[in-house]
Amino acid sequence: MMTHTAWYIARATGYVAWGLLTVTVVLGLVFSARLGRGKVTPAWLLDLHRFVGGASVIFTGLHVGGLIVDNYVHFNVIDVLVPFASEWRPGAVALGVIAMYLLAAVEISSLAMKRLPRTWWRKIHMSSHALFWVATFHLLTAGTDADSPVSQVVTALVISLVVFLTLVRVLSDGRLTQRSSPRTNIEAHTVDRERVGPTAE
């Protein structure tokens, strides 16, 4: 078992990264559809959204690192950076590579939010929906545990939830005013924290 430790780590961190990504997307849909109690999203929920998004990046890095270190399937750096370069399930692995780049784009745009034009930020951030589906199909086609009953049930429930929230978001009044838009809430919270100082919570 110890011989394939990196392989088990890669598998586990892949599932964790997907789970964290799912939480981030669900929170984003809840924010944009105004499913919370108030029109303005609480600051702690926005912080949670950011934290989970950052954690998904970390676990994705661990997932990719585990694949490179592993000596079971023998991935190299090119395999995990270039779509269709892998000889092992090239299409499924390519989905993972694309998902990784989408995740990086969303995270970088979030960190650089104040420096980007609003329209650019929104377009990049909206790609998180595509990111979820690409990552999910990667899990279903490349995940060696995807055929297990537990994985199938959890995946089906998660997909159903995201589809439901997406439909709610589409059918709701999509015309968000600048005052109540998700990005405006995030920006306002960031500005308030800068004014008060980093120790004020």
Foldseek 3Di string as FASTA:
>chain_A
DVLQPLVVLLLVLLVLLLVLLLVLLLLLLCQLLVVDPDLFDDPVSVVSSLVSLVVSLVSLVSNVVSQCPGPPLHDHPCLQQPQQPDPPLRNLSNLSNVLNVLSVQLNVCVVCVVVDPPVVNVVSVVCSVVSSVSSLSSCCRVRPCCPPPVNVVVSVVSVVSSVVSVVSSVPHPNDDDCCRGPVNSVVVSVVVCVVVDVVDD
